[in-house]
Amino acid sequence: MEFNGFGFWARDADLEIWLTTLVDELKNLSTLKPWQESLARYWREQATIDAGCISTGLDEFITDNERKAIVLSFARNALAVTHPGVRRTAILFIDLLEGKLNTLVHSTILRILRAIQNDLVVRETTI
């Protein structure tokens, strides 16, 4: 999951549950603006497509501070009712939108790849 250049990795199953909870919470708003309807449709598709790579589309849909405040508001409400097993993903989602995360999505992959490379080098030199 990525927003404004920062992000984190989450299990697809957790993200599917969280996006579904967000969509349910979004539908509780009295009226939906066109961008909110598009966001709900997009998240519903992402939560059910089972393609192995889920996109939240945050950079595409949250284009200003007003939209960010709206998403944060219903995300906080969704946190109160989300499945306990995905609570950590939900908290990280909110932290990401609030600008509290300074991790890069790719940094985790690079660390894993470096560890694999180092392990392979060690194995080659000991054979």
C-alpha atoms as a PDB file:
ATOM      1  CA  MET A   1       0.000   0.000   0.000  1.00  0.00           C
ATOM      2  CA  GLU A   2       1.438   3.366  -0.990  1.00  0.00           C
ATOM      3  CA  PHE A   3       0.567   7.037  -0.576  1.00  0.00           C
ATOM      4  CA  ASN A   4       2.703  10.086  -1.379  1.00  0.00           C
ATOM      5  CA  GLY A   5       5.800   7.966  -1.872  1.00  0.00           C
ATOM      6  CA  PHE A   6       5.574   6.097   1.432  1.00  0.00           C
ATOM      7  CA  GLY A   7       3.896   2.847   2.302  1.00  0.00           C
ATOM      8  CA  PHE A   8       3.932  -0.639   3.705  1.00  0.00           C
ATOM      9  CA  TRP A   9       3.237  -4.221   2.692  1.00  0.00           C
ATOM     10  CA  ALA A  10       0.139  -6.069   3.879  1.00  0.00           C
ATOM     11  CA  ARG A  11      -1.223  -9.537   3.268  1.00  0.00           C
ATOM     12  CA  ASP A  12      -3.843  -9.620   0.505  1.00  0.00           C
ATOM     13  CA  ALA A  13      -6.395 -11.309   2.779  1.00  0.00           C
ATOM     14  CA  ASP A  14      -6.010  -8.559   5.389  1.00  0.00           C
ATOM     15  CA  LEU A  15      -6.284  -5.850   2.761  1.00  0.00           C
ATOM     16  CA  GLU A  16      -9.397  -7.443   1.270  1.00  0.00           C
ATOM     17  CA  ILE A  17     -11.119  -7.396   4.669  1.00  0.00           C
ATOM     18  CA  TRP A  18      -9.976  -3.842   5.432  1.00  0.00           C
ATOM     19  CA  LEU A  19     -11.089  -2.480   2.042  1.00  0.00           C
ATOM     20  CA  THR A  20     -14.478  -4.178   2.444  1.00  0.00           C
ATOM     21  CA  THR A  21     -14.862  -2.609   5.890  1.00  0.00           C
ATOM     22  CA  LEU A  22     -13.916   0.796   4.448  1.00  0.00           C
ATOM     23  CA  VAL A  23     -16.466   0.452   1.658  1.00  0.00           C
ATOM     24  CA  ASP A  24     -19.172  -0.509   4.156  1.00  0.00           C
ATOM     25  CA  GLU A  25     -18.287   2.528   6.266  1.00  0.00           C
ATOM     26  CA  LEU A  26     -18.185   4.811   3.232  1.00  0.00           C
ATOM     27  CA  LYS A  27     -21.698   3.739   2.302  1.00  0.00           C
ATOM     28  CA  ASN A  28     -22.873   5.004   5.713  1.00  0.00           C
ATOM     29  CA  LEU A  29     -22.233   8.590   4.609  1.00  0.00           C
ATOM     30  CA  SER A  30     -25.460  10.459   3.909  1.00  0.00           C
ATOM     31  CA  THR A  31     -24.524  11.365   0.336  1.00  0.00           C
ATOM     32  CA  LEU A  32     -21.577  10.289  -1.735  1.00  0.00           C
ATOM     33  CA  LYS A  33     -19.730  12.627  -4.050  1.00  0.00           C
ATOM     34  CA  PRO A  34     -18.785  11.190  -7.444  1.00  0.00           C
ATOM     35  CA  TRP A  35     -15.171  10.589  -6.368  1.00  0.00           C
ATOM     36  CA  GLN A  36     -16.392   8.704  -3.287  1.00  0.00           C
ATOM     37  CA  GLU A  37     -18.650   6.508  -5.423  1.00  0.00           C
ATOM     38  CA  SER A  38     -15.690   5.782  -7.714  1.00  0.00           C
ATOM     39  CA  LEU A  39     -13.478   5.037  -4.717  1.00  0.00           C
ATOM     40  CA  ALA A  40     -16.046   2.643  -3.221  1.00  0.00           C
ATOM     41  CA  ARG A  41     -16.424   0.848  -6.558  1.00  0.00           C
ATOM     42  CA  TYR A  42     -12.629   0.639  -6.994  1.00  0.00           C
ATOM     43  CA  TRP A  43     -12.041  -0.715  -3.485  1.00  0.00           C
ATOM     44  CA  ARG A  44     -14.865  -3.243  -3.864  1.00  0.00           C
ATOM     45  CA  GLU A  45     -13.278  -4.483  -7.102  1.00  0.00           C
ATOM     46  CA  GLN A  46      -9.819  -4.661  -5.520  1.00  0.00           C
ATOM     47  CA  ALA A  47     -11.168  -6.545  -2.509  1.00  0.00           C
ATOM     48  CA  THR A  48     -12.852  -9.186  -4.645  1.00  0.00           C
ATOM     49  CA  ILE A  49     -10.753  -9.524  -7.804  1.00  0.00           C
ATOM     50  CA  ASP A  50      -8.256 -12.003  -6.284  1.00  0.00           C
ATOM     51  CA  ALA A  51      -5.505 -11.025  -8.722  1.00  0.00           C
ATOM     52  CA  GLY A  52      -2.627 -11.382  -6.256  1.00  0.00           C
ATOM     53  CA  CYS A  53      -1.833  -7.677  -6.187  1.00  0.00           C
ATOM     54  CA  ILE A  54      -4.240  -5.263  -4.538  1.00  0.00           C
ATOM     55  CA  SER A  55      -4.121  -1.541  -5.200  1.00  0.00           C
ATOM     56  CA  THR A  56      -5.731   0.996  -2.889  1.00  0.00           C
ATOM     57  CA  GLY A  57      -5.409   3.811  -5.438  1.00  0.00           C
ATOM     58  CA  LEU A  58      -4.771   6.326  -2.667  1.00  0.00           C
ATOM     59  CA  ASP A  59      -2.690   8.689  -4.794  1.00  0.00           C
ATOM     60  CA  GLU A  60      -5.321   8.658  -7.526  1.00  0.00           C
ATOM     61  CA  PHE A  61      -8.320   9.307  -5.276  1.00  0.00           C
ATOM     62  CA  ILE A  62      -6.908  11.414  -2.447  1.00  0.00           C
ATOM     63  CA  THR A  63      -5.869  14.468  -4.408  1.00  0.00           C
ATOM     64  CA  ASP A  64      -6.270  17.167  -1.759  1.00  0.00           C
ATOM     65  CA  ASN A  65      -6.502  17.699   1.999  1.00  0.00           C
ATOM     66  CA  GLU A  66     -10.310  17.742   2.001  1.00  0.00           C
ATOM     67  CA  ARG A  67     -10.480  14.268   0.477  1.00  0.00           C
ATOM     68  CA  LYS A  68      -7.801  13.036   2.842  1.00  0.00           C
ATOM     69  CA  ALA A  69      -9.773  14.335   5.836  1.00  0.00           C
ATOM     70  CA  ILE A  70     -12.918  12.592   4.586  1.00  0.00           C
ATOM     71  CA  VAL A  71     -11.132   9.264   4.072  1.00  0.00           C
ATOM     72  CA  LEU A  72      -9.449   9.551   7.465  1.00  0.00           C
ATOM     73  CA  SER A  73     -12.796  10.210   9.106  1.00  0.00           C
ATOM     74  CA  PHE A  74     -14.522   7.101   7.793  1.00  0.00           C
ATOM     75  CA  ALA A  75     -11.312   5.055   8.175  1.00  0.00           C
ATOM     76  CA  ARG A  76     -11.267   5.869  11.899  1.00  0.00           C
ATOM     77  CA  ASN A  77     -14.905   4.783  12.122  1.00  0.00           C
ATOM     78  CA  ALA A  78     -14.086   1.588  10.222  1.00  0.00           C
ATOM     79  CA  LEU A  79     -11.220   0.864  12.624  1.00  0.00           C
ATOM     80  CA  ALA A  80     -13.737   0.569  15.450  1.00  0.00           C
ATOM     81  CA  VAL A  81     -15.656  -2.189  13.661  1.00  0.00           C
ATOM     82  CA  THR A  82     -12.978  -3.989  11.649  1.00  0.00           C
ATOM     83  CA  HIS A  83     -11.993  -7.593  12.210  1.00  0.00           C
ATOM     84  CA  PRO A  84      -9.413  -7.836  15.037  1.00  0.00           C
ATOM     85  CA  GLY A  85      -7.047  -9.780  12.774  1.00  0.00           C
ATOM     86  CA  VAL A  86      -6.641  -6.824  10.402  1.00  0.00           C
ATOM     87  CA  ARG A  87      -6.484  -4.108  13.024  1.00  0.00           C
ATOM     88  CA  ARG A  88      -2.727  -3.600  12.509  1.00  0.00           C
ATOM     89  CA  THR A  89      -3.228  -3.078   8.765  1.00  0.00           C
ATOM     90  CA  ALA A  90      -6.026  -0.607   9.511  1.00  0.00           C
ATOM     91  CA  ILE A  91      -3.848   1.359  11.936  1.00  0.00           C
ATOM     92  CA  LEU A  92      -0.990   1.468   9.438  1.00  0.00           C
ATOM     93  CA  PHE A  93      -3.429   2.669   6.760  1.00  0.00           C
ATOM     94  CA  ILE A  94      -4.504   5.558   8.986  1.00  0.00           C
ATOM     95  CA  ASP A  95      -0.901   6.325   9.975  1.00  0.00           C
ATOM     96  CA  LEU A  96       0.060   6.384   6.297  1.00  0.00           C
ATOM     97  CA  LEU A  97      -2.666   8.915   5.474  1.00  0.00           C
ATOM     98  CA  GLU A  98      -1.716  11.023   8.491  1.00  0.00           C
ATOM     99  CA  GLY A  99       1.896  11.143   7.306  1.00  0.00           C
ATOM    100  CA  LYS A 100       3.204   9.204  10.306  1.00  0.00           C
ATOM    101  CA  LEU A 101       4.903   6.491   8.228  1.00  0.00           C
ATOM    102  CA  ASN A 102       8.233   7.186   6.587  1.00  0.00           C
ATOM    103  CA  THR A 103       8.837   3.720   5.205  1.00  0.00           C
ATOM    104  CA  LEU A 104       9.124   3.036   1.521  1.00  0.00           C
ATOM    105  CA  VAL A 105       7.236   0.079   0.145  1.00  0.00           C
ATOM    106  CA  HIS A 106      10.287  -1.000  -1.831  1.00  0.00           C
ATOM    107  CA  SER A 107      12.656  -0.853   1.157  1.00  0.00           C
ATOM    108  CA  THR A 108      11.273  -4.127   2.543  1.00  0.00           C
ATOM    109  CA  ILE A 109      11.738  -5.912  -0.761  1.00  0.00           C
ATOM    110  CA  LEU A 110      15.283  -4.611  -1.098  1.00  0.00           C
ATOM    111  CA  ARG A 111      16.185  -5.858   2.390  1.00  0.00           C
ATOM    112  CA  ILE A 112      14.778  -9.285   1.590  1.00  0.00           C
ATOM    113  CA  LEU A 113      16.603  -9.439  -1.736  1.00  0.00           C
ATOM    114  CA  ARG A 114      19.880  -8.374  -0.102  1.00  0.00           C
ATOM    115  CA  ALA A 115      19.454 -11.025   2.586  1.00  0.00           C
ATOM    116  CA  ILE A 116      18.835 -13.672  -0.073  1.00  0.00           C
ATOM    117  CA  GLN A 117      21.852 -12.497  -2.058  1.00  0.00           C
ATOM    118  CA  ASN A 118      24.054 -12.524   1.039  1.00  0.00           C
ATOM    119  CA  ASP A 119      22.838 -16.002   1.918  1.00  0.00           C
ATOM    120  CA  LEU A 120      23.624 -17.241  -1.601  1.00  0.00           C
ATOM    121  CA  VAL A 121      27.107 -15.684  -1.500  1.00  0.00           C
ATOM    122  CA  VAL A 122      27.801 -17.319   1.873  1.00  0.00           C
ATOM    123  CA  ARG A 123      26.602 -20.685   0.533  1.00  0.00           C
ATOM    124  CA  GLU A 124      28.787 -20.412  -2.599  1.00  0.00           C
ATOM    125  CA  THR A 125      31.916 -19.587  -0.610  1.00  0.00           C
ATOM    126  CA  THR A 126      31.413 -22.450   1.838  1.00  0.00           C
ATOM    127  CA  ILE A 127      30.841 -25.139  -0.819  1.00  0.00           C
END
